[in-house]
């Protein structure tokens, strides 16, 4: 049974890889299930066993993209919140951003998500991205609250707006990584510098 589950998961990942490739090179509307099936080396039936339609594939691609960020923040919040400091938050964010910067697949998915969410081709995807954003802002808000209690974030700052500010900064870095990667010639070191500037501005005065 375990073997069949592993094979099913491997097939699902191949389908997502193929869908990602076609969505990035042409519009979702122009991508046919036959194209995805051929690239993935599976039948159309296998695709429909895993996904109802192309929008569901997009949702799965989006989830695969944001999982490192969600996992990193959840790890901080669940493991030992009393041990959290600014450096650990920055490192969690940095590791997620490095995933986008260093992974061609993650970069490609990011471009697909931005293109189709903003142009309105997929309303379902746009709503999913909004939910993901709200979830990440909520996690950041909880980290801000912890930061205030532990003394590395100014207690006078409003929790929600501070979380939105951090999230906006992160999204700005992602935009630069995708549209102007030359802005970070030293890679992770430059991203870390940017995050350090962000959190330095949140410290108590």
Foldseek 3Di string as FASTA:
>chain_A
DVVVVVVLVVLLVLLLLLLLVVCLVDPQVPDDLVSSCVSSVHDSVSVCVPPVGSVRSLLVLVCVLCVQLVVLLVCCVPPCVLPDDLVSNLVSLLVSLLCCLVDPSSLSSVVSLVVCLVVVVDPVSVVSVVVVLVVQLVSQLVNQVSHVVVQQFAPVDDSSVLSVVLSVLSVVSSVCSNPPVVVCVVPSVVSSVSSVVSSNVRGHD
